[in-house]
Amino acid sequence: RERIIAEAKLLLRNTDWSIADIAYSLGFDYPAYFNNFFKKQTGMTPR
């Protein structure tokens, strides 16, 4: 979980990919699942 979050933060800050593209690349079937996962772990939304 922590390694996925670390990679998610890097992708969010250092690429121009959409949040949906990042979600799929990190193995989430739906962007909403990624949004909920990220917010639960970090206290903020991917956006």
All heavy atoms as atom14 arrays in JSON, in Angstrom:
{
  "sequence": "RERIIAEAKLLLRNTDWSIADIAYSLGFDYPAYFNNFFKKQTGMTPR",
  "atom14_mask": [
    [1, 1, 1, 1, 1, 1, 1, 1, 1, 1, 1, 0, 0, 0],
    [1, 1, 1, 1, 1, 1, 1, 1, 1, 0, 0, 0, 0, 0],
    [1, 1, 1, 1, 1, 1, 1, 1, 1, 1, 1, 0, 0, 0],
    [1, 1, 1, 1, 1, 1, 1, 1, 0, 0, 0, 0, 0, 0],
    [1, 1, 1, 1, 1, 1, 1, 1, 0, 0, 0, 0, 0, 0],
    [1, 1, 1, 1, 1, 0, 0, 0, 0, 0, 0, 0, 0, 0],
    [1, 1, 1, 1, 1, 1, 1, 1, 1, 0, 0, 0, 0, 0],
    [1, 1, 1, 1, 1, 0, 0, 0, 0, 0, 0, 0, 0, 0],
    [1, 1, 1, 1, 1, 1, 1, 1, 1, 0, 0, 0, 0, 0],
    [1, 1, 1, 1, 1, 1, 1, 1, 0, 0, 0, 0, 0, 0],
    [1, 1, 1, 1, 1, 1, 1, 1, 0, 0, 0, 0, 0, 0],
    [1, 1, 1, 1, 1, 1, 1, 1, 0, 0, 0, 0, 0, 0],
    [1, 1, 1, 1, 1, 1, 1, 1, 1, 1, 1, 0, 0, 0],
    [1, 1, 1, 1, 1, 1, 1, 1, 0, 0, 0, 0, 0, 0],
    [1, 1, 1, 1, 1, 1, 1, 0, 0, 0, 0, 0, 0, 0],
    [1, 1, 1, 1, 1, 1, 1, 1, 0, 0, 0, 0, 0, 0],
    [1, 1, 1, 1, 1, 1, 1, 1, 1, 1, 1, 1, 1, 1],
    [1, 1, 1, 1, 1, 1, 0, 0, 0, 0, 0, 0, 0, 0],
    [1, 1, 1, 1, 1, 1, 1, 1, 0, 0, 0, 0, 0, 0],
    [1, 1, 1, 1, 1, 0, 0, 0, 0, 0, 0, 0, 0, 0],
    [1, 1, 1, 1, 1, 1, 1, 1, 0, 0, 0, 0, 0, 0],
    [1, 1, 1, 1, 1, 1, 1, 1, 0, 0, 0, 0, 0, 0],
    [1, 1, 1, 1, 1, 0, 0, 0, 0, 0, 0, 0, 0, 0],
    [1, 1, 1, 1, 1, 1, 1, 1, 1, 1, 1, 1, 0, 0],
    [1, 1, 1, 1, 1, 1, 0, 0, 0, 0, 0, 0, 0, 0],
    [1, 1, 1, 1, 1, 1, 1, 1, 0, 0, 0, 0, 0, 0],
    [1, 1, 1, 1, 0, 0, 0, 0, 0, 0, 0, 0, 0, 0],
    [1, 1, 1, 1, 1, 1, 1, 1, 1, 1, 1, 0, 0, 0],
    [1, 1, 1, 1, 1, 1, 1, 1, 0, 0, 0, 0, 0, 0],
    [1, 1, 1, 1, 1, 1, 1, 1, 1, 1, 1, 1, 0, 0],
    [1, 1, 1, 1, 1, 1, 1, 0, 0, 0, 0, 0, 0, 0],
    [1, 1, 1, 1, 1, 0, 0, 0, 0, 0, 0, 0, 0, 0],
    [1, 1, 1, 1, 1, 1, 1, 1, 1, 1, 1, 1, 0, 0],
    [1, 1, 1, 1, 1, 1, 1, 1, 1, 1, 1, 0, 0, 0],
    [1, 1, 1, 1, 1, 1, 1, 1, 0, 0, 0, 0, 0, 0],
    [1, 1, 1, 1, 1, 1, 1, 1, 0, 0, 0, 0, 0, 0],
    [1, 1, 1, 1, 1, 1, 1, 1, 1, 1, 1, 0, 0, 0],
    [1, 1, 1, 1, 1, 1, 1, 1, 1, 1, 1, 0, 0, 0],
    [1, 1, 1, 1, 1, 1, 1, 1, 1, 0, 0, 0, 0, 0],
    [1, 1, 1, 1, 1, 1, 1, 1, 1, 0, 0, 0, 0, 0],
    [1, 1, 1, 1, 1, 1, 1, 1, 1, 0, 0, 0, 0, 0],
    [1, 1, 1, 1, 1, 1, 1, 0, 0, 0, 0, 0, 0, 0],
    [1, 1, 1, 1, 0, 0, 0, 0, 0, 0, 0, 0, 0, 0],
    [1, 1, 1, 1, 1, 1, 1, 1, 0, 0, 0, 0, 0, 0],
    [1, 1, 1, 1, 1, 1, 1, 0, 0, 0, 0, 0, 0, 0],
    [1, 1, 1, 1, 1, 1, 1, 0, 0, 0, 0, 0, 0, 0],
    [1, 1, 1, 1, 1, 1, 1, 1, 1, 1, 1, 0, 0, 0]
  ],
  "atom14_positions": [
    [[0.83, -1.21, 0.0], [0.0, 0.0, 0.0], [0.86, 1.26, 0.0], [0.62, 2.19, -0.77], [-0.92, -0.02, 1.21], [-1.89, 1.14, 1.27], [-2.96, 0.88, 2.31], [-2.42, 0.8, 3.66], [-2.56, -0.24, 4.47], [-3.22, -1.31, 4.07], [-2.06, -0.21, 5.69], [0.0, 0.0, 0.0], [0.0, 0.0, 0.0], [0.0, 0.0, 0.0]],
    [[1.89, 1.29, 0.85], [2.74, 2.47, 0.94], [3.53, 2.7, -0.35], [3.74, 3.84, -0.76], [3.69, 2.34, 2.13], [2.98, 2.45, 3.47], [3.93, 2.3, 4.65], [5.1, 1.89, 4.45], [3.5, 2.59, 5.78], [0.0, 0.0, 0.0], [0.0, 0.0, 0.0], [0.0, 0.0, 0.0], [0.0, 0.0, 0.0], [0.0, 0.0, 0.0]],
    [[3.95, 1.6, -0.98], [4.72, 1.76, -2.23], [3.83, 2.26, -3.35], [4.26, 3.07, -4.2], [5.38, 0.43, -2.6], [6.36, 0.58, -3.77], [7.48, 1.55, -3.41], [8.38, 1.81, -4.53], [8.18, 2.72, -5.46], [7.07, 3.48, -5.43], [9.04, 2.91, -6.43], [0.0, 0.0, 0.0], [0.0, 0.0, 0.0], [0.0, 0.0, 0.0]],
    [[2.58, 1.8, -3.39], [1.64, 2.28, -4.41], [1.36, 3.77, -4.21], [1.31, 4.55, -5.16], [0.34, 1.46, -4.39], [0.61, 0.04, -4.9], [-0.74, 2.13, -5.23], [-0.58, -0.9, -4.79], [0.0, 0.0, 0.0], [0.0, 0.0, 0.0], [0.0, 0.0, 0.0], [0.0, 0.0, 0.0], [0.0, 0.0, 0.0], [0.0, 0.0, 0.0]],
    [[1.18, 4.17, -2.96], [0.94, 5.58, -2.65], [2.13, 6.44, -3.06], [1.97, 7.52, -3.64], [0.62, 5.78, -1.15], [-0.8, 5.29, -0.84], [0.77, 7.23, -0.74], [-1.9, 6.12, -1.48], [0.0, 0.0, 0.0], [0.0, 0.0, 0.0], [0.0, 0.0, 0.0], [0.0, 0.0, 0.0], [0.0, 0.0, 0.0], [0.0, 0.0, 0.0]],
    [[3.35, 5.97, -2.76], [4.56, 6.72, -3.13], [4.62, 6.91, -4.64], [4.94, 8.0, -5.13], [5.8, 6.0, -2.62], [0.0, 0.0, 0.0], [0.0, 0.0, 0.0], [0.0, 0.0, 0.0], [0.0, 0.0, 0.0], [0.0, 0.0, 0.0], [0.0, 0.0, 0.0], [0.0, 0.0, 0.0], [0.0, 0.0, 0.0], [0.0, 0.0, 0.0]],
    [[4.32, 5.85, -5.39], [4.35, 5.95, -6.85], [3.23, 6.85, -7.36], [3.42, 7.62, -8.3], [4.24, 4.56, -7.48], [4.45, 4.54, -8.98], [5.88, 4.79, -9.38], [6.76, 4.82, -8.51], [6.13, 4.97, -10.6], [0.0, 0.0, 0.0], [0.0, 0.0, 0.0], [0.0, 0.0, 0.0], [0.0, 0.0, 0.0], [0.0, 0.0, 0.0]],
    [[2.07, 6.75, -6.74], [0.93, 7.59, -7.14], [1.28, 9.07, -6.98], [0.99, 9.88, -7.87], [-0.3, 7.23, -6.3], [0.0, 0.0, 0.0], [0.0, 0.0, 0.0], [0.0, 0.0, 0.0], [0.0, 0.0, 0.0], [0.0, 0.0, 0.0], [0.0, 0.0, 0.0], [0.0, 0.0, 0.0], [0.0, 0.0, 0.0], [0.0, 0.0, 0.0]],
    [[1.92, 9.43, -5.88], [2.29, 10.83, -5.66], [3.27, 11.31, -6.72], [3.15, 12.44, -7.22], [2.91, 10.99, -4.27], [1.9, 10.86, -3.13], [2.61, 11.0, -1.78], [1.61, 10.92, -0.63], [2.3, 11.0, 0.69], [0.0, 0.0, 0.0], [0.0, 0.0, 0.0], [0.0, 0.0, 0.0], [0.0, 0.0, 0.0], [0.0, 0.0, 0.0]],
    [[4.23, 10.46, -7.07], [5.2, 10.83, -8.1], [4.53, 11.03, -9.45], [4.82, 11.98, -10.18], [6.29, 9.77, -8.2], [7.26, 9.71, -7.01], [8.1, 8.45, -7.08], [8.16, 10.94, -7.0], [0.0, 0.0, 0.0], [0.0, 0.0, 0.0], [0.0, 0.0, 0.0], [0.0, 0.0, 0.0], [0.0, 0.0, 0.0], [0.0, 0.0, 0.0]],
    [[3.62, 10.13, -9.79], [2.92, 10.24, -11.07], [2.01, 11.47, -11.11], [1.91, 12.16, -12.13], [2.1, 8.97, -11.32], [2.89, 7.7, -11.6], [1.98, 6.48, -11.6], [3.64, 7.8, -12.92], [0.0, 0.0, 0.0], [0.0, 0.0, 0.0], [0.0, 0.0, 0.0], [0.0, 0.0, 0.0], [0.0, 0.0, 0.0], [0.0, 0.0, 0.0]],
    [[1.35, 11.75, -9.99], [0.45, 12.9, -9.94], [1.22, 14.22, -10.1], [0.75, 15.14, -10.77], [-0.31, 12.9, -8.62], [-1.42, 11.85, -8.49], [-1.86, 11.7, -7.03], [-2.62, 12.19, -9.36], [0.0, 0.0, 0.0], [0.0, 0.0, 0.0], [0.0, 0.0, 0.0], [0.0, 0.0, 0.0], [0.0, 0.0, 0.0], [0.0, 0.0, 0.0]],
    [[2.4, 14.29, -9.5], [3.14, 15.55, -9.48], [4.05, 15.74, -10.69], [4.32, 16.86, -11.09], [3.97, 15.65, -8.2], [3.13, 15.74, -6.94], [3.99, 15.61, -5.7], [3.17, 15.62, -4.48], [3.63, 15.36, -3.27], [4.9, 15.07, -3.11], [2.82, 15.38, -2.22], [0.0, 0.0, 0.0], [0.0, 0.0, 0.0], [0.0, 0.0, 0.0]],
    [[4.52, 14.62, -11.26], [5.59, 14.73, -12.24], [5.21, 14.31, -13.65], [6.08, 14.23, -14.52], [6.8, 13.9, -11.8], [7.34, 14.38, -10.46], [7.33, 15.57, -10.18], [7.82, 13.46, -9.64], [0.0, 0.0, 0.0], [0.0, 0.0, 0.0], [0.0, 0.0, 0.0], [0.0, 0.0, 0.0], [0.0, 0.0, 0.0], [0.0, 0.0, 0.0]],
    [[3.93, 14.0, -13.9], [3.48, 13.69, -15.25], [2.21, 14.5, -15.55], [1.6, 15.08, -14.65], [3.14, 12.18, -15.42], [1.91, 11.89, -14.73], [4.25, 11.3, -14.87], [0.0, 0.0, 0.0], [0.0, 0.0, 0.0], [0.0, 0.0, 0.0], [0.0, 0.0, 0.0], [0.0, 0.0, 0.0], [0.0, 0.0, 0.0], [0.0, 0.0, 0.0]],
    [[1.85, 14.51, -16.82], [0.61, 15.18, -17.22], [-0.5, 14.17, -17.45], [-1.5, 14.47, -18.09], [0.84, 16.04, -18.46], [1.36, 15.23, -19.65], [1.53, 13.99, -19.51], [1.61, 15.83, -20.71], [0.0, 0.0, 0.0], [0.0, 0.0, 0.0], [0.0, 0.0, 0.0], [0.0, 0.0, 0.0], [0.0, 0.0, 0.0], [0.0, 0.0, 0.0]],
    [[-0.35, 12.94, -16.91], [-1.37, 11.92, -17.08], [-2.64, 12.31, -16.34], [-2.59, 12.99, -15.3], [-0.89, 10.59, -16.53], [0.34, 10.05, -17.16], [1.1, 10.61, -18.14], [1.0, 8.83, -16.8], [2.17, 9.83, -18.44], [2.15, 8.72, -17.64], [0.74, 7.81, -15.89], [3.01, 7.65, -17.57], [1.6, 6.74, -15.82], [2.73, 6.65, -16.65]],
    [[-3.75, 11.85, -16.84], [-5.01, 12.06, -16.14], [-5.05, 11.16, -14.91], [-4.33, 10.16, -14.82], [-6.19, 11.74, -17.05], [-6.26, 10.34, -17.29], [0.0, 0.0, 0.0], [0.0, 0.0, 0.0], [0.0, 0.0, 0.0], [0.0, 0.0, 0.0], [0.0, 0.0, 0.0], [0.0, 0.0, 0.0], [0.0, 0.0, 0.0], [0.0, 0.0, 0.0]],
    [[-5.9, 11.5, -13.97], [-6.05, 10.69, -12.76], [-6.55, 9.29, -13.12], [-6.14, 8.29, -12.52], [-7.0, 11.38, -11.76], [-6.32, 12.65, -11.22], [-7.38, 10.44, -10.61], [-7.2, 13.52, -10.36], [0.0, 0.0, 0.0], [0.0, 0.0, 0.0], [0.0, 0.0, 0.0], [0.0, 0.0, 0.0], [0.0, 0.0, 0.0], [0.0, 0.0, 0.0]],
    [[-7.4, 9.2, -14.13], [-7.89, 7.89, -14.58], [-6.76, 7.04, -15.12], [-6.66, 5.84, -14.81], [-8.97, 8.08, -15.64], [0.0, 0.0, 0.0], [0.0, 0.0, 0.0], [0.0, 0.0, 0.0], [0.0, 0.0, 0.0], [0.0, 0.0, 0.0], [0.0, 0.0, 0.0], [0.0, 0.0, 0.0], [0.0, 0.0, 0.0], [0.0, 0.0, 0.0]],
    [[-5.87, 7.64, -15.93], [-4.73, 6.9, -16.47], [-3.83, 6.39, -15.35], [-3.34, 5.26, -15.39], [-3.91, 7.79, -17.41], [-4.62, 8.05, -18.73], [-5.45, 7.21, -19.12], [-4.34, 9.09, -19.36], [0.0, 0.0, 0.0], [0.0, 0.0, 0.0], [0.0, 0.0, 0.0], [0.0, 0.0, 0.0], [0.0, 0.0, 0.0], [0.0, 0.0, 0.0]],
    [[-3.6, 7.21, -14.35], [-2.77, 6.81, -13.21], [-3.44, 5.67, -12.45], [-2.79, 4.7, -12.05], [-2.5, 8.01, -12.29], [-1.62, 9.03, -13.01], [-1.84, 7.56, -10.98], [-1.44, 10.34, -12.27], [0.0, 0.0, 0.0], [0.0, 0.0, 0.0], [0.0, 0.0, 0.0], [0.0, 0.0, 0.0], [0.0, 0.0, 0.0], [0.0, 0.0, 0.0]],
    [[-4.73, 5.77, -12.26], [-5.47, 4.73, -11.55], [-5.34, 3.38, -12.25], [-5.03, 2.37, -11.61], [-6.95, 5.12, -11.44], [0.0, 0.0, 0.0], [0.0, 0.0, 0.0], [0.0, 0.0, 0.0], [0.0, 0.0, 0.0], [0.0, 0.0, 0.0], [0.0, 0.0, 0.0], [0.0, 0.0, 0.0], [0.0, 0.0, 0.0], [0.0, 0.0, 0.0]],
    [[-5.53, 3.37, -13.56], [-5.44, 2.11, -14.31], [-4.02, 1.55, -14.27], [-3.82, 0.34, -14.12], [-5.88, 2.33, -15.76], [-7.33, 2.71, -15.92], [-7.72, 3.74, -16.78], [-8.32, 2.04, -15.19], [-9.06, 4.09, -16.93], [-9.66, 2.39, -15.33], [-10.02, 3.42, -16.19], [-11.34, 3.77, -16.32], [0.0, 0.0, 0.0], [0.0, 0.0, 0.0]],
    [[-3.02, 2.42, -14.38], [-1.63, 1.97, -14.36], [-1.26, 1.34, -13.02], [-0.43, 0.44, -12.96], [-0.68, 3.14, -14.65], [-0.82, 3.58, -15.97], [0.0, 0.0, 0.0], [0.0, 0.0, 0.0], [0.0, 0.0, 0.0], [0.0, 0.0, 0.0], [0.0, 0.0, 0.0], [0.0, 0.0, 0.0], [0.0, 0.0, 0.0], [0.0, 0.0, 0.0]],
    [[-1.88, 1.81, -11.95], [-1.58, 1.29, -10.62], [-2.47, 0.1, -10.25], [-2.46, -0.34, -9.09], [-1.73, 2.41, -9.58], [-0.66, 3.52, -9.68], [-0.97, 4.64, -8.7], [0.73, 2.95, -9.43], [0.0, 0.0, 0.0], [0.0, 0.0, 0.0], [0.0, 0.0, 0.0], [0.0, 0.0, 0.0], [0.0, 0.0, 0.0], [0.0, 0.0, 0.0]],
    [[-3.23, -0.39, -11.22], [-3.97, -1.62, -11.01], [-5.38, -1.48, -10.5], [-6.01, -2.47, -10.1], [0.0, 0.0, 0.0], [0.0, 0.0, 0.0], [0.0, 0.0, 0.0], [0.0, 0.0, 0.0], [0.0, 0.0, 0.0], [0.0, 0.0, 0.0], [0.0, 0.0, 0.0], [0.0, 0.0, 0.0], [0.0, 0.0, 0.0], [0.0, 0.0, 0.0]],
    [[-5.93, -0.27, -10.51], [-7.31, -0.05, -10.06], [-8.26, -0.19, -11.24], [-8.03, 0.38, -12.31], [-7.45, 1.34, -9.43], [-6.7, 1.5, -8.14], [-5.36, 1.9, -8.15], [-7.3, 1.22, -6.92], [-4.64, 2.03, -6.97], [-6.59, 1.35, -5.73], [-5.26, 1.75, -5.76], [0.0, 0.0, 0.0], [0.0, 0.0, 0.0], [0.0, 0.0, 0.0]],
    [[-9.32, -0.95, -11.04], [-10.28, -1.18, -12.12], [-11.07, 0.08, -12.47], [-11.48, 0.26, -13.62], [-11.23, -2.3, -11.74], [-10.53, -3.64, -11.64], [-9.52, -3.83, -12.35], [-10.97, -4.49, -10.84], [0.0, 0.0, 0.0], [0.0, 0.0, 0.0], [0.0, 0.0, 0.0], [0.0, 0.0, 0.0], [0.0, 0.0, 0.0], [0.0, 0.0, 0.0]],
    [[-11.3, 0.91, -11.47], [-12.08, 2.13, -11.68], [-11.4, 3.3, -10.99], [-10.87, 3.15, -9.88], [-13.51, 1.98, -11.13], [-14.28, 0.84, -11.75], [-14.39, -0.38, -11.08], [-14.88, 0.97, -13.0], [-15.08, -1.44, -11.64], [-15.57, -0.07, -13.57], [-15.67, -1.28, -12.89], [-16.36, -2.33, -13.46], [0.0, 0.0, 0.0], [0.0, 0.0, 0.0]],
    [[-11.4, 4.49, -11.62], [-10.8, 5.67, -10.99], [-11.38, 5.98, -9.61], [-10.66, 6.45, -8.73], [-11.11, 6.79, -11.98], [-11.21, 6.1, -13.31], [-11.85, 4.77, -13.0], [0.0, 0.0, 0.0], [0.0, 0.0, 0.0], [0.0, 0.0, 0.0], [0.0, 0.0, 0.0], [0.0, 0.0, 0.0], [0.0, 0.0, 0.0], [0.0, 0.0, 0.0]],
    [[-12.65, 5.7, -9.42], [-13.28, 5.97, -8.12], [-12.63, 5.15, -7.01], [-12.48, 5.63, -5.88], [-14.78, 5.68, -8.19], [0.0, 0.0, 0.0], [0.0, 0.0, 0.0], [0.0, 0.0, 0.0], [0.0, 0.0, 0.0], [0.0, 0.0, 0.0], [0.0, 0.0, 0.0], [0.0, 0.0, 0.0], [0.0, 0.0, 0.0], [0.0, 0.0, 0.0]],
    [[-12.24, 3.89, -7.33], [-11.57, 3.06, -6.33], [-10.23, 3.7, -5.94], [-9.84, 3.72, -4.77], [-11.32, 1.66, -6.88], [-12.55, 0.82, -7.09], [-12.47, -0.42, -7.7], [-13.82, 1.27, -6.69], [-13.6, -1.21, -7.9], [-14.94, 0.5, -6.89], [-14.83, -0.74, -7.49], [-15.95, -1.51, -7.69], [0.0, 0.0, 0.0], [0.0, 0.0, 0.0]],
    [[-9.52, 4.2, -6.94], [-8.24, 4.85, -6.68], [-8.44, 6.12, -5.85], [-7.68, 6.38, -4.9], [-7.56, 5.21, -8.0], [-6.32, 6.05, -7.85], [-5.21, 5.59, -7.16], [-6.27, 7.34, -8.4], [-4.07, 6.37, -7.02], [-5.14, 8.13, -8.26], [-4.04, 7.63, -7.57], [0.0, 0.0, 0.0], [0.0, 0.0, 0.0], [0.0, 0.0, 0.0]],
    [[-9.44, 6.92, -6.19], [-9.71, 8.13, -5.42], [-9.96, 7.82, -3.96], [-9.42, 8.48, -3.06], [-10.93, 8.86, -6.0], [-10.63, 9.55, -7.32], [-9.48, 9.85, -7.61], [-11.67, 9.78, -8.12], [0.0, 0.0, 0.0], [0.0, 0.0, 0.0], [0.0, 0.0, 0.0], [0.0, 0.0, 0.0], [0.0, 0.0, 0.0], [0.0, 0.0, 0.0]],
    [[-10.79, 6.8, -3.7], [-11.11, 6.43, -2.32], [-9.88, 5.91, -1.58], [-9.63, 6.25, -0.42], [-12.21, 5.38, -2.29], [-13.54, 5.92, -2.78], [-13.78, 7.13, -2.75], [-14.41, 5.04, -3.25], [0.0, 0.0, 0.0], [0.0, 0.0, 0.0], [0.0, 0.0, 0.0], [0.0, 0.0, 0.0], [0.0, 0.0, 0.0], [0.0, 0.0, 0.0]],
    [[-9.09, 5.08, -2.27], [-7.87, 4.52, -1.68], [-6.88, 5.62, -1.34], [-6.33, 5.67, -0.24], [-7.25, 3.54, -2.69], [-5.86, 3.06, -2.33], [-5.68, 2.03, -1.42], [-4.74, 3.63, -2.92], [-4.41, 1.58, -1.09], [-3.47, 3.2, -2.6], [-3.3, 2.17, -1.68], [0.0, 0.0, 0.0], [0.0, 0.0, 0.0], [0.0, 0.0, 0.0]],
    [[-6.65, 6.53, -2.27], [-5.68, 7.6, -2.08], [-6.11, 8.53, -0.95], [-5.28, 8.9, -0.09], [-5.52, 8.39, -3.38], [-4.35, 9.33, -3.37], [-3.1, 8.91, -3.79], [-4.5, 10.65, -2.94], [-2.01, 9.77, -3.78], [-3.42, 11.52, -2.92], [-2.17, 11.07, -3.34], [0.0, 0.0, 0.0], [0.0, 0.0, 0.0], [0.0, 0.0, 0.0]],
    [[-7.37, 8.88, -0.92], [-7.85, 9.79, 0.13], [-7.77, 9.13, 1.5], [-7.41, 9.79, 2.5], [-9.28, 10.23, -0.17], [-9.78, 11.31, 0.8], [-11.12, 11.87, 0.38], [-11.54, 13.0, 1.32], [-12.85, 13.58, 0.93], [0.0, 0.0, 0.0], [0.0, 0.0, 0.0], [0.0, 0.0, 0.0], [0.0, 0.0, 0.0], [0.0, 0.0, 0.0]],
    [[-8.07, 7.85, 1.57], [-8.0, 7.14, 2.85], [-6.58, 7.1, 3.39], [-6.34, 7.22, 4.59], [-8.54, 5.72, 2.69], [-8.57, 4.92, 3.98], [-9.18, 3.55, 3.77], [-9.2, 2.76, 5.08], [-9.79, 1.41, 4.88], [0.0, 0.0, 0.0], [0.0, 0.0, 0.0], [0.0, 0.0, 0.0], [0.0, 0.0, 0.0], [0.0, 0.0, 0.0]],
    [[-5.6, 6.94, 2.5], [-4.21, 6.8, 2.92], [-3.52, 8.14, 3.17], [-2.61, 8.22, 4.0], [-3.41, 6.02, 1.85], [-3.93, 4.63, 1.57], [-4.01, 3.77, 2.82], [-3.1, 3.79, 3.64], [-5.08, 3.01, 2.94], [0.0, 0.0, 0.0], [0.0, 0.0, 0.0], [0.0, 0.0, 0.0], [0.0, 0.0, 0.0], [0.0, 0.0, 0.0]],
    [[-3.92, 9.19, 2.46], [-3.2, 10.46, 2.54], [-4.01, 11.61, 3.14], [-3.44, 12.63, 3.51], [-2.73, 10.9, 1.14], [-3.88, 11.23, 0.34], [-1.93, 9.79, 0.46], [0.0, 0.0, 0.0], [0.0, 0.0, 0.0], [0.0, 0.0, 0.0], [0.0, 0.0, 0.0], [0.0, 0.0, 0.0], [0.0, 0.0, 0.0], [0.0, 0.0, 0.0]],
    [[-5.33, 11.44, 3.18], [-6.16, 12.52, 3.69], [-6.49, 13.59, 2.66], [-7.11, 14.6, 2.98], [0.0, 0.0, 0.0], [0.0, 0.0, 0.0], [0.0, 0.0, 0.0], [0.0, 0.0, 0.0], [0.0, 0.0, 0.0], [0.0, 0.0, 0.0], [0.0, 0.0, 0.0], [0.0, 0.0, 0.0], [0.0, 0.0, 0.0], [0.0, 0.0, 0.0]],
    [[-6.03, 13.38, 1.4], [-6.36, 14.32, 0.33], [-6.75, 13.57, -0.92], [-6.48, 12.37, -1.04], [-5.17, 15.24, 0.04], [-3.95, 14.52, -0.52], [-2.6, 15.69, -0.97], [-2.07, 16.19, 0.67], [0.0, 0.0, 0.0], [0.0, 0.0, 0.0], [0.0, 0.0, 0.0], [0.0, 0.0, 0.0], [0.0, 0.0, 0.0], [0.0, 0.0, 0.0]],
    [[-7.41, 14.25, -1.82], [-7.81, 13.62, -3.08], [-6.62, 13.61, -4.04], [-5.7, 14.43, -3.91], [-8.97, 14.37, -3.73], [-8.52, 15.68, -4.1], [-10.15, 14.47, -2.77], [0.0, 0.0, 0.0], [0.0, 0.0, 0.0], [0.0, 0.0, 0.0], [0.0, 0.0, 0.0], [0.0, 0.0, 0.0], [0.0, 0.0, 0.0], [0.0, 0.0, 0.0]],
    [[-6.64, 12.71, -5.02], [-5.58, 12.75, -6.04], [-5.47, 14.1, -6.74], [-4.38, 14.57, -7.03], [-5.99, 11.63, -7.01], [-6.78, 10.69, -6.17], [-7.54, 11.56, -5.21], [0.0, 0.0, 0.0], [0.0, 0.0, 0.0], [0.0, 0.0, 0.0], [0.0, 0.0, 0.0], [0.0, 0.0, 0.0], [0.0, 0.0, 0.0], [0.0, 0.0, 0.0]],
    [[-6.62, 14.72, -6.99], [-6.6, 16.03, -7.67], [-5.88, 17.07, -6.83], [-5.1, 17.87, -7.34], [-8.03, 16.47, -7.97], [-8.1, 17.71, -8.86], [-9.54, 17.97, -9.32], [-10.06, 16.85, -10.06], [-9.81, 16.59, -11.33], [-9.01, 17.39, -12.01], [-10.36, 15.53, -11.92], [0.0, 0.0, 0.0], [0.0, 0.0, 0.0], [0.0, 0.0, 0.0]]
  ]
}
